[in-house]
Protein backbone atom coordinates (compact mmCIF):
# COMPACT_ATOMS: atom_id res chain seq x y z
CA MET A 1 0.28 -0.07 0.10
CA ALA A 2 1.39 3.70 -0.89
CA GLU A 3 1.39 5.76 2.33
CA SER A 4 0.96 9.18 1.22
CA ASP A 5 2.26 11.96 3.66
CA ALA A 6 0.34 15.80 5.06
CA GLU A 7 0.90 17.19 1.43
CA GLY A 8 -0.16 14.09 -0.51
CA ARG A 9 3.65 13.21 -1.43
CA VAL A 10 3.46 9.52 -2.20
CA GLY A 11 6.94 7.40 -3.12
CA THR A 12 6.23 4.75 -5.59
CA GLY A 13 8.80 2.49 -7.76
CA PRO A 14 9.07 1.60 -11.20
CA LEU A 15 5.63 2.08 -13.13
CA GLY A 16 4.08 -0.27 -15.90
CA THR A 17 4.67 -3.43 -13.75
CA HIS A 18 1.67 -3.94 -11.83
CA PRO A 19 -0.40 -6.55 -13.35
CA ASP A 20 -3.69 -4.51 -13.45
CA HIS A 21 -3.68 -1.29 -14.63
CA THR A 22 -6.89 -0.38 -14.21
CA ALA A 23 -6.49 -0.64 -10.29
CA PRO A 24 -5.62 2.73 -8.39
CA LEU A 25 -2.63 1.35 -6.62
CA GLY A 26 -2.44 3.05 -2.67
CA THR A 27 -6.64 2.11 -2.24
CA ASP A 28 -6.43 0.99 1.60
CA PRO A 29 -7.72 -2.16 2.56
CA ASP A 30 -11.47 -0.99 3.36
CA GLY A 31 -11.89 0.68 0.37
CA THR A 32 -10.96 4.22 0.95
CA ASP A 33 -8.67 5.92 -0.31
CA PRO A 34 -6.09 8.48 1.06
CA VAL A 35 -5.32 12.07 0.73
CA GLY A 36 -5.19 12.10 -3.57
CA THR A 37 -4.88 8.34 -4.13
CA ASP A 38 -7.77 8.77 -6.79
CA LEU A 39 -5.95 11.39 -8.81
CA ILE A 40 -2.66 9.75 -8.34
CA GLY A 41 -4.36 6.42 -9.45
CA VAL A 42 -5.38 7.81 -12.99
CA VAL A 43 -1.64 10.11 -13.40
CA ARG A 44 -0.33 6.26 -12.27
CA ARG A 45 -2.71 4.21 -14.70
CA PHE A 46 -1.88 7.18 -17.51
CA ASN A 47 1.79 6.79 -17.28
CA ALA A 48 1.55 2.87 -17.34
CA ALA A 49 -0.64 3.54 -20.54
CA ILE A 50 2.79 5.21 -21.93
CA ASN A 51 5.27 2.62 -20.39
CA ASP A 52 3.18 0.16 -22.28
CA ARG A 53 2.22 2.14 -25.30
CA ASN A 54 -1.46 1.29 -24.88
CA LEU A 55 -2.69 4.08 -26.93
CA ASP A 56 -6.73 2.71 -26.40
CA ALA A 57 -5.46 2.79 -22.56
CA LEU A 58 -4.30 6.41 -23.35
CA ALA A 59 -7.71 7.73 -24.79
CA SER A 60 -9.80 6.28 -21.95
CA LEU A 61 -7.44 8.84 -19.98
CA MET A 62 -7.55 11.74 -21.61
CA SER A 63 -10.36 14.53 -21.76
CA ASP A 64 -11.98 15.74 -25.21
CA GLU A 65 -9.56 18.96 -24.51
CA HIS A 66 -6.80 16.93 -23.59
CA THR A 67 -3.33 19.13 -24.08
CA PHE A 68 0.10 17.91 -24.11
CA VAL A 69 3.47 20.25 -23.31
CA ASP A 70 6.85 18.91 -24.03
CA SER A 71 9.88 20.44 -22.17
CA GLU A 72 10.49 22.49 -24.23
CA GLY A 73 7.22 24.49 -24.60
CA GLY A 74 5.67 22.48 -28.06
CA VAL A 75 1.80 21.91 -27.36
CA VAL A 76 -0.40 19.79 -29.15
CA ARG A 77 -4.12 19.99 -28.40
CA GLY A 78 -6.90 17.53 -28.12
CA LYS A 79 -7.53 14.18 -27.82
CA PRO A 80 -7.22 13.15 -31.54
CA ALA A 81 -3.90 15.03 -32.00
CA CYS A 82 -2.49 13.89 -28.86
CA LEU A 83 -3.24 10.26 -30.08
CA GLU A 84 -1.62 10.93 -32.73
CA ALA A 85 1.64 12.27 -31.52
CA TRP A 86 1.73 8.88 -28.83
CA ARG A 87 1.46 6.87 -31.82
CA GLY A 88 4.53 8.47 -34.22
CA PHE A 89 6.46 9.17 -30.47
CA PHE A 90 6.47 5.07 -29.51
CA ALA A 91 7.33 4.54 -33.41
CA ALA A 92 10.28 6.39 -33.15
CA PHE A 93 11.17 5.30 -29.48
CA PRO A 94 9.83 1.98 -28.73
CA ASP A 95 11.95 1.20 -25.85
CA TYR A 96 11.18 4.77 -24.12
CA ARG A 97 9.59 4.04 -20.36
CA ASN A 98 9.09 6.14 -17.22
CA THR A 99 9.65 5.67 -13.59
CA PHE A 100 8.43 7.83 -10.86
CA ASP A 101 9.92 8.47 -7.72
CA ASP A 102 7.90 10.85 -5.94
CA LEU A 103 4.80 12.08 -6.44
CA ILE A 104 2.83 15.28 -5.18
CA VAL A 105 -0.92 16.29 -5.00
CA ARG A 106 -2.18 20.41 -5.10
CA GLY A 107 -5.48 20.33 -5.82
CA ASP A 108 -6.76 18.89 -9.28
CA VAL A 109 -2.56 19.04 -10.00
CA VAL A 110 -0.18 15.92 -9.80
CA ALA A 111 3.37 17.02 -9.61
CA VAL A 112 5.98 13.95 -10.45
CA ARG A 113 9.40 13.49 -9.94
CA GLY A 114 11.58 10.99 -11.90
CA TYR A 115 13.17 9.69 -14.89
CA SER A 116 12.80 8.50 -18.41
CA VAL A 117 14.83 5.49 -19.85
CA CYS A 118 15.40 5.27 -23.12
CA SER A 119 18.14 4.05 -26.07
CA ARG A 120 18.11 7.89 -27.24
CA PRO A 121 20.51 9.66 -24.41
CA GLU A 122 18.40 12.97 -24.94
CA LEU A 123 14.88 11.34 -24.02
CA ALA A 124 16.63 9.48 -20.84
CA GLY A 125 17.42 10.85 -17.49
CA PRO A 126 16.06 12.52 -14.52
CA ALA A 127 12.84 14.34 -15.46
CA LEU A 128 9.37 15.87 -13.58
CA TRP A 129 6.13 16.19 -14.89
CA THR A 130 2.30 17.21 -13.86
CA ALA A 131 -0.64 16.14 -14.86
CA ARG A 132 -4.00 18.28 -14.00
CA VAL A 133 -6.79 15.83 -13.17
CA SER A 134 -10.48 16.20 -13.74
CA GLY A 135 -12.67 13.32 -12.68
CA ALA A 136 -11.16 9.97 -13.68
CA VAL A 137 -9.10 11.67 -17.22
CA VAL A 138 -6.15 13.48 -17.66
CA ASP A 139 -6.59 17.56 -19.13
CA GLU A 140 -3.13 18.16 -19.43
CA TRP A 141 0.48 16.30 -19.26
CA ARG A 142 3.33 18.41 -18.95
CA VAL A 143 6.82 17.77 -19.28
CA TYR A 144 9.90 19.69 -17.54
CA THR A 145 13.29 19.76 -17.53
CA ASP A 146 14.51 19.03 -14.23
CA SER A 147 16.20 21.93 -12.46
CA PRO A 148 15.98 23.24 -8.28
CA GLU A 149 13.48 26.00 -9.31
CA VAL A 150 10.96 23.34 -11.12
CA ARG A 151 11.30 21.14 -7.99
CA ARG A 152 10.84 24.17 -5.65
CA GLU A 153 7.41 25.66 -7.28
CA PHE A 154 5.98 21.98 -6.99
CA GLY A 155 6.93 21.50 -3.73
CA LEU A 156 9.29 18.21 -4.54
CA PRO A 157 12.55 16.79 -3.22
CA LEU A 158 15.57 18.47 -4.06
CA PRO A 159 18.26 16.31 -5.19
CA LEU A 160 21.18 15.53 -2.46
CA PRO A 161 24.45 17.55 -2.66
CA ASP A 162 27.13 15.52 -4.39
CA ALA A 163 29.32 13.93 -0.97
């Protein structure tokens, strides 16, 4: 069971390996959800769909007005356009995967710290994401370059200083 702290921060491990990506992870045995788990569950399922290259699952988790913003500020708007962008991305980078280390819920936004794995070095390494969630769908998926400034903005842990 995932534990969340008072700020809604949840520590996680690699995603895309849970046998049932449709079930929110972190539900208490009595069926209740800790603070933010429903939003976190949506974000985890969205990431699992990315890691599994599952366009049907992504479509079911996107609002009709879904927006994707890349780390350089490029924007794709609307579910059909976003699905086409993901289709092309999956074809170009079939080994791309995201792993989440920390998730923090603030209102309807889940901020995530983790890293991407890919044979293309420019797509591999530390990354930050935010997902704006409405109900059971993601309205916006945004990728950020990992920096102390962005981590502070979203209340994500800062990197440990080199020893």
